[in-house]
Amino acid sequence: MKSTEPEPVPMPSPTACPFCRSVKISIPSEKVDASTYWRCEACGQMWNVSRQGAQRPSYGTRRNKGY
């Protein structure tokens, strides 16, 4: 009998930090999948590849309201 659970989709490993573009990146665990968080050894940022693509950039969202 086949399992109805879908097989995990392999995520491509990042080649550089999306924040500082350093290539010194690592993972805190051995498991690499869509839920894996990566850490930049240069700037210290942590991110998730699948969530990173879904987020909008945070720059340019504030507006001067004249206060």
PDB file of N, CA and C in Angstrom:
ATOM      1  N   MET A   1       0.840  -1.184   0.000  1.00  0.00           N
ATOM      2  CA  MET A   1       0.000   0.000   0.000  1.00  0.00           C
ATOM      3  C   MET A   1       0.885   1.247   0.000  1.00  0.00           C
ATOM      4  N   LYS A   2       0.597   2.170  -0.896  1.00  0.00           N
ATOM      5  CA  LYS A   2       1.381   3.395  -0.993  1.00  0.00           C
ATOM      6  C   LYS A   2       0.953   4.390   0.073  1.00  0.00           C
ATOM      7  N   SER A   3       1.902   5.164   0.519  1.00  0.00           N
ATOM      8  CA  SER A   3       1.622   6.223   1.479  1.00  0.00           C
ATOM      9  C   SER A   3       0.951   7.391   0.755  1.00  0.00           C
ATOM     10  N   THR A   4      -0.021   8.013   1.394  1.00  0.00           N
ATOM     11  CA  THR A   4      -0.699   9.166   0.803  1.00  0.00           C
ATOM     12  C   THR A   4       0.052  10.455   1.099  1.00  0.00           C
ATOM     13  N   GLU A   5       1.082  10.354   1.921  1.00  0.00           N
ATOM     14  CA  GLU A   5       1.872  11.527   2.265  1.00  0.00           C
ATOM     15  C   GLU A   5       2.816  11.858   1.114  1.00  0.00           C
ATOM     16  N   PRO A   6       2.845  13.122   0.665  1.00  0.00           N
ATOM     17  CA  PRO A   6       3.741  13.461  -0.447  1.00  0.00           C
ATOM     18  C   PRO A   6       5.202  13.386  -0.009  1.00  0.00           C
ATOM     19  N   GLU A   7       6.057  13.021  -0.953  1.00  0.00           N
ATOM     20  CA  GLU A   7       7.480  12.972  -0.663  1.00  0.00           C
ATOM     21  C   GLU A   7       8.018  14.391  -0.533  1.00  0.00           C
ATOM     22  N   PRO A   8       8.996  14.603   0.362  1.00  0.00           N
ATOM     23  CA  PRO A   8       9.554  15.951   0.504  1.00  0.00           C
ATOM     24  C   PRO A   8      10.226  16.407  -0.787  1.00  0.00           C
ATOM     25  N   VAL A   9       9.981  17.647  -1.133  1.00  0.00           N
ATOM     26  CA  VAL A   9      10.566  18.219  -2.339  1.00  0.00           C
ATOM     27  C   VAL A   9      11.934  18.777  -1.980  1.00  0.00           C
ATOM     28  N   PRO A  10      12.981  18.333  -2.670  1.00  0.00           N
ATOM     29  CA  PRO A  10      14.313  18.865  -2.347  1.00  0.00           C
ATOM     30  C   PRO A  10      14.411  20.335  -2.743  1.00  0.00           C
ATOM     31  N   MET A  11      14.937  21.121  -1.843  1.00  0.00           N
ATOM     32  CA  MET A  11      15.126  22.545  -2.105  1.00  0.00           C
ATOM     33  C   MET A  11      16.567  22.759  -2.536  1.00  0.00           C
ATOM     34  N   PRO A  12      16.794  23.651  -3.466  1.00  0.00           N
ATOM     35  CA  PRO A  12      18.178  23.933  -3.853  1.00  0.00           C
ATOM     36  C   PRO A  12      18.908  24.620  -2.703  1.00  0.00           C
ATOM     37  N   SER A  13      20.130  24.229  -2.488  1.00  0.00           N
ATOM     38  CA  SER A  13      20.934  24.860  -1.446  1.00  0.00           C
ATOM     39  C   SER A  13      21.339  26.251  -1.908  1.00  0.00           C
ATOM     40  N   PRO A  14      21.270  27.239  -1.017  1.00  0.00           N
ATOM     41  CA  PRO A  14      21.694  28.580  -1.418  1.00  0.00           C
ATOM     42  C   PRO A  14      23.202  28.606  -1.650  1.00  0.00           C
ATOM     43  N   THR A  15      23.643  29.471  -2.516  1.00  0.00           N
ATOM     44  CA  THR A  15      25.066  29.591  -2.804  1.00  0.00           C
ATOM     45  C   THR A  15      25.681  30.812  -2.144  1.00  0.00           C
ATOM     46  N   ALA A  16      24.824  31.730  -1.665  1.00  0.00           N
ATOM     47  CA  ALA A  16      25.310  32.939  -1.002  1.00  0.00           C
ATOM     48  C   ALA A  16      24.221  33.477  -0.077  1.00  0.00           C
ATOM     49  N   CYS A  17      24.635  34.247   0.903  1.00  0.00           N
ATOM     50  CA  CYS A  17      23.694  34.885   1.831  1.00  0.00           C
ATOM     51  C   CYS A  17      22.866  35.919   1.078  1.00  0.00           C
ATOM     52  N   PRO A  18      21.538  35.917   1.229  1.00  0.00           N
ATOM     53  CA  PRO A  18      20.716  36.900   0.525  1.00  0.00           C
ATOM     54  C   PRO A  18      20.838  38.311   1.106  1.00  0.00           C
ATOM     55  N   PHE A  19      21.462  38.435   2.269  1.00  0.00           N
ATOM     56  CA  PHE A  19      21.584  39.739   2.919  1.00  0.00           C
ATOM     57  C   PHE A  19      22.913  40.430   2.607  1.00  0.00           C
ATOM     58  N   CYS A  20      24.033  39.676   2.763  1.00  0.00           N
ATOM     59  CA  CYS A  20      25.346  40.293   2.540  1.00  0.00           C
ATOM     60  C   CYS A  20      26.097  39.684   1.364  1.00  0.00           C
ATOM     61  N   ARG A  21      25.544  38.649   0.742  1.00  0.00           N
ATOM     62  CA  ARG A  21      26.106  37.962  -0.423  1.00  0.00           C
ATOM     63  C   ARG A  21      27.384  37.164  -0.117  1.00  0.00           C
ATOM     64  N   SER A  22      27.663  36.911   1.160  1.00  0.00           N
ATOM     65  CA  SER A  22      28.818  36.094   1.516  1.00  0.00           C
ATOM     66  C   SER A  22      28.547  34.642   1.128  1.00  0.00           C
ATOM     67  N   VAL A  23      29.580  33.925   0.744  1.00  0.00           N
ATOM     68  CA  VAL A  23      29.427  32.511   0.411  1.00  0.00           C
ATOM     69  C   VAL A  23      29.672  31.623   1.634  1.00  0.00           C
ATOM     70  N   LYS A  24      29.969  32.219   2.772  1.00  0.00           N
ATOM     71  CA  LYS A  24      30.212  31.469   4.003  1.00  0.00           C
ATOM     72  C   LYS A  24      28.878  31.208   4.705  1.00  0.00           C
ATOM     73  N   ILE A  25      28.169  30.167   4.262  1.00  0.00           N
ATOM     74  CA  ILE A  25      26.874  29.831   4.845  1.00  0.00           C
ATOM     75  C   ILE A  25      26.907  28.402   5.364  1.00  0.00           C
ATOM     76  N   SER A  26      26.070  28.132   6.366  1.00  0.00           N
ATOM     77  CA  SER A  26      26.024  26.794   6.949  1.00  0.00           C
ATOM     78  C   SER A  26      24.603  26.501   7.404  1.00  0.00           C
ATOM     79  N   ILE A  27      24.366  25.236   7.751  1.00  0.00           N
ATOM     80  CA  ILE A  27      23.070  24.829   8.288  1.00  0.00           C
ATOM     81  C   ILE A  27      23.272  24.338   9.707  1.00  0.00           C
ATOM     82  N   PRO A  28      22.323  24.595  10.596  1.00  0.00           N
ATOM     83  CA  PRO A  28      22.471  24.160  11.984  1.00  0.00           C
ATOM     84  C   PRO A  28      22.197  22.674  12.193  1.00  0.00           C
ATOM     85  N   SER A  29      21.690  21.965  11.189  1.00  0.00           N
ATOM     86  CA  SER A  29      21.419  20.537  11.331  1.00  0.00           C
ATOM     87  C   SER A  29      21.801  19.800  10.047  1.00  0.00           C
ATOM     88  N   GLU A  30      21.790  18.484  10.100  1.00  0.00           N
ATOM     89  CA  GLU A  30      22.138  17.663   8.941  1.00  0.00           C
ATOM     90  C   GLU A  30      21.000  17.570   7.922  1.00  0.00           C
ATOM     91  N   LYS A  31      19.770  17.744   8.378  1.00  0.00           N
ATOM     92  CA  LYS A  31      18.590  17.605   7.527  1.00  0.00           C
ATOM     93  C   LYS A  31      18.442  18.839   6.626  1.00  0.00           C
ATOM     94  N   VAL A  32      18.362  18.607   5.317  1.00  0.00           N
ATOM     95  CA  VAL A  32      18.185  19.715   4.360  1.00  0.00           C
ATOM     96  C   VAL A  32      16.916  19.456   3.572  1.00  0.00           C
ATOM     97  N   ASP A  33      15.915  20.322   3.793  1.00  0.00           N
ATOM     98  CA  ASP A  33      14.659  20.249   3.056  1.00  0.00           C
ATOM     99  C   ASP A  33      14.038  21.639   3.020  1.00  0.00           C
ATOM    100  N   ALA A  34      12.775  21.737   2.701  1.00  0.00           N
ATOM    101  CA  ALA A  34      12.111  23.035   2.567  1.00  0.00           C
ATOM    102  C   ALA A  34      12.047  23.805   3.886  1.00  0.00           C
ATOM    103  N   SER A  35      12.148  23.108   5.028  1.00  0.00           N
ATOM    104  CA  SER A  35      12.056  23.792   6.316  1.00  0.00           C
ATOM    105  C   SER A  35      13.420  24.115   6.920  1.00  0.00           C
ATOM    106  N   THR A  36      14.502  23.838   6.205  1.00  0.00           N
ATOM    107  CA  THR A  36      15.853  24.082   6.703  1.00  0.00           C
ATOM    108  C   THR A  36      16.139  25.576   6.792  1.00  0.00           C
ATOM    109  N   TYR A  37      16.723  25.984   7.906  1.00  0.00           N
ATOM    110  CA  TYR A  37      17.188  27.355   8.064  1.00  0.00           C
ATOM    111  C   TYR A  37      18.691  27.385   7.861  1.00  0.00           C
ATOM    112  N   TRP A  38      19.166  28.395   7.183  1.00  0.00           N
ATOM    113  CA  TRP A  38      20.574  28.572   6.879  1.00  0.00           C
ATOM    114  C   TRP A  38      21.112  29.757   7.660  1.00  0.00           C
ATOM    115  N   ARG A  39      22.389  29.726   8.031  1.00  0.00           N
ATOM    116  CA  ARG A  39      23.022  30.819   8.770  1.00  0.00           C
ATOM    117  C   ARG A  39      24.236  31.319   7.997  1.00  0.00           C
ATOM    118  N   CYS A  40      24.345  32.642   7.915  1.00  0.00           N
ATOM    119  CA  CYS A  40      25.505  33.261   7.295  1.00  0.00           C
ATOM    120  C   CYS A  40      26.576  33.417   8.361  1.00  0.00           C
ATOM    121  N   GLU A  41      27.750  32.896   8.091  1.00  0.00           N
ATOM    122  CA  GLU A  41      28.853  32.994   9.044  1.00  0.00           C
ATOM    123  C   GLU A  41      29.489  34.380   9.036  1.00  0.00           C
ATOM    124  N   ALA A  42      29.222  35.170   8.002  1.00  0.00           N
ATOM    125  CA  ALA A  42      29.793  36.514   7.907  1.00  0.00           C
ATOM    126  C   ALA A  42      28.949  37.552   8.650  1.00  0.00           C
ATOM    127  N   CYS A  43      27.629  37.572   8.387  1.00  0.00           N
ATOM    128  CA  CYS A  43      26.777  38.607   9.006  1.00  0.00           C
ATOM    129  C   CYS A  43      25.880  38.068  10.112  1.00  0.00           C
ATOM    130  N   GLY A  44      25.763  36.740  10.240  1.00  0.00           N
ATOM    131  CA  GLY A  44      24.981  36.145  11.316  1.00  0.00           C
ATOM    132  C   GLY A  44      23.495  35.987  11.035  1.00  0.00           C
ATOM    133  N   GLN A  45      23.020  36.423   9.887  1.00  0.00           N
ATOM    134  CA  GLN A  45      21.598  36.305   9.558  1.00  0.00           C
ATOM    135  C   GLN A  45      21.211  34.843   9.365  1.00  0.00           C
ATOM    136  N   MET A  46      19.967  34.510   9.721  1.00  0.00           N
ATOM    137  CA  MET A  46      19.415  33.186   9.447  1.00  0.00           C
ATOM    138  C   MET A  46      18.210  33.354   8.540  1.00  0.00           C
ATOM    139  N   TRP A  47      18.023  32.403   7.618  1.00  0.00           N
ATOM    140  CA  TRP A  47      16.891  32.476   6.710  1.00  0.00           C
ATOM    141  C   TRP A  47      16.505  31.093   6.247  1.00  0.00           C
ATOM    142  N   ASN A  48      15.285  31.020   5.706  1.00  0.00           N
ATOM    143  CA  ASN A  48      14.745  29.795   5.143  1.00  0.00           C
ATOM    144  C   ASN A  48      14.516  30.058   3.661  1.00  0.00           C
ATOM    145  N   VAL A  49      15.060  29.205   2.807  1.00  0.00           N
ATOM    146  CA  VAL A  49      14.993  29.431   1.355  1.00  0.00           C
ATOM    147  C   VAL A  49      13.553  29.526   0.868  1.00  0.00           C
ATOM    148  N   SER A  50      12.677  28.618   1.312  1.00  0.00           N
ATOM    149  CA  SER A  50      11.301  28.627   0.814  1.00  0.00           C
ATOM    150  C   SER A  50      10.523  29.843   1.322  1.00  0.00           C
ATOM    151  N   ARG A  51      10.800  30.309   2.515  1.00  0.00           N
ATOM    152  CA  ARG A  51      10.100  31.486   3.047  1.00  0.00           C
ATOM    153  C   ARG A  51      10.700  32.777   2.516  1.00  0.00           C
ATOM    154  N   GLN A  52      11.988  32.776   2.234  1.00  0.00           N
ATOM    155  CA  GLN A  52      12.664  33.976   1.746  1.00  0.00           C
ATOM    156  C   GLN A  52      12.070  34.459   0.428  1.00  0.00           C
ATOM    157  N   GLY A  53      11.741  33.544  -0.461  1.00  0.00           N
ATOM    158  CA  GLY A  53      11.182  33.926  -1.753  1.00  0.00           C
ATOM    159  C   GLY A  53       9.772  34.474  -1.653  1.00  0.00           C
ATOM    160  N   ALA A  54       9.055  34.139  -0.573  1.00  0.00           N
ATOM    161  CA  ALA A  54       7.672  34.576  -0.415  1.00  0.00           C
ATOM    162  C   ALA A  54       7.570  35.943   0.240  1.00  0.00           C
ATOM    163  N   GLN A  55       8.645  36.428   0.825  1.00  0.00           N
ATOM    164  CA  GLN A  55       8.597  37.703   1.528  1.00  0.00           C
ATOM    165  C   GLN A  55       8.878  38.859   0.591  1.00  0.00           C
ATOM    166  N   ARG A  56       8.219  39.960   0.870  1.00  0.00           N
ATOM    167  CA  ARG A  56       8.489  41.180   0.117  1.00  0.00           C
ATOM    168  C   ARG A  56       9.658  41.903   0.774  1.00  0.00           C
ATOM    169  N   PRO A  57      10.389  42.690   0.028  1.00  0.00           N
ATOM    170  CA  PRO A  57      11.477  43.464   0.633  1.00  0.00           C
ATOM    171  C   PRO A  57      10.928  44.437   1.663  1.00  0.00           C
ATOM    172  N   SER A  58      11.660  44.644   2.741  1.00  0.00           N
ATOM    173  CA  SER A  58      11.179  45.532   3.797  1.00  0.00           C
ATOM    174  C   SER A  58      11.567  46.986   3.552  1.00  0.00           C
ATOM    175  N   TYR A  59      12.454  47.247   2.607  1.00  0.00           N
ATOM    176  CA  TYR A  59      12.871  48.620   2.364  1.00  0.00           C
ATOM    177  C   TYR A  59      11.805  49.366   1.567  1.00  0.00           C
ATOM    178  N   GLY A  60      11.716  50.639   1.791  1.00  0.00           N
ATOM    179  CA  GLY A  60      10.802  51.475   1.024  1.00  0.00           C
ATOM    180  C   GLY A  60       9.352  51.370   1.425  1.00  0.00           C
ATOM    181  N   THR A  61       9.056  50.749   2.570  1.00  0.00           N
ATOM    182  CA  THR A  61       7.661  50.603   2.950  1.00  0.00           C
ATOM    183  C   THR A  61       7.180  51.726   3.859  1.00  0.00           C
ATOM    184  N   ARG A  62       8.099  52.449   4.470  1.00  0.00           N
ATOM    185  CA  ARG A  62       7.692  53.569   5.322  1.00  0.00           C
ATOM    186  C   ARG A  62       7.499  54.815   4.481  1.00  0.00           C
ATOM    187  N   ARG A  63       6.509  55.560   4.860  1.00  0.00           N
ATOM    188  CA  ARG A  63       6.250  56.796   4.132  1.00  0.00           C
ATOM    189  C   ARG A  63       6.279  57.938   5.096  1.00  0.00           C
ATOM    190  N   ASN A  64       6.755  59.035   4.648  1.00  0.00           N
ATOM    191  CA  ASN A  64       6.808  60.235   5.472  1.00  0.00           C
ATOM    192  C   ASN A  64       5.409  60.830   5.514  1.00  0.00           C
ATOM    193  N   LYS A  65       4.825  60.840   6.698  1.00  0.00           N
ATOM    194  CA  LYS A  65       3.475  61.362   6.836  1.00  0.00           C
ATOM    195  C   LYS A  65       3.480  62.798   7.363  1.00  0.00           C
ATOM    196  N   GLY A  66       4.652  63.421   7.375  1.00  0.00           N
ATOM    197  CA  GLY A  66       4.726  64.813   7.790  1.00  0.00           C
ATOM    198  C   GLY A  66       4.760  65.006   9.283  1.00  0.00           C
ATOM    199  N   TYR A  67       5.035  63.986  10.050  1.00  0.00           N
ATOM    200  CA  TYR A  67       5.096  64.148  11.510  1.00  0.00           C
ATOM    201  C   TYR A  67       6.435  64.686  11.899  1.00  0.00           C
TER     202      TYR A  67
END
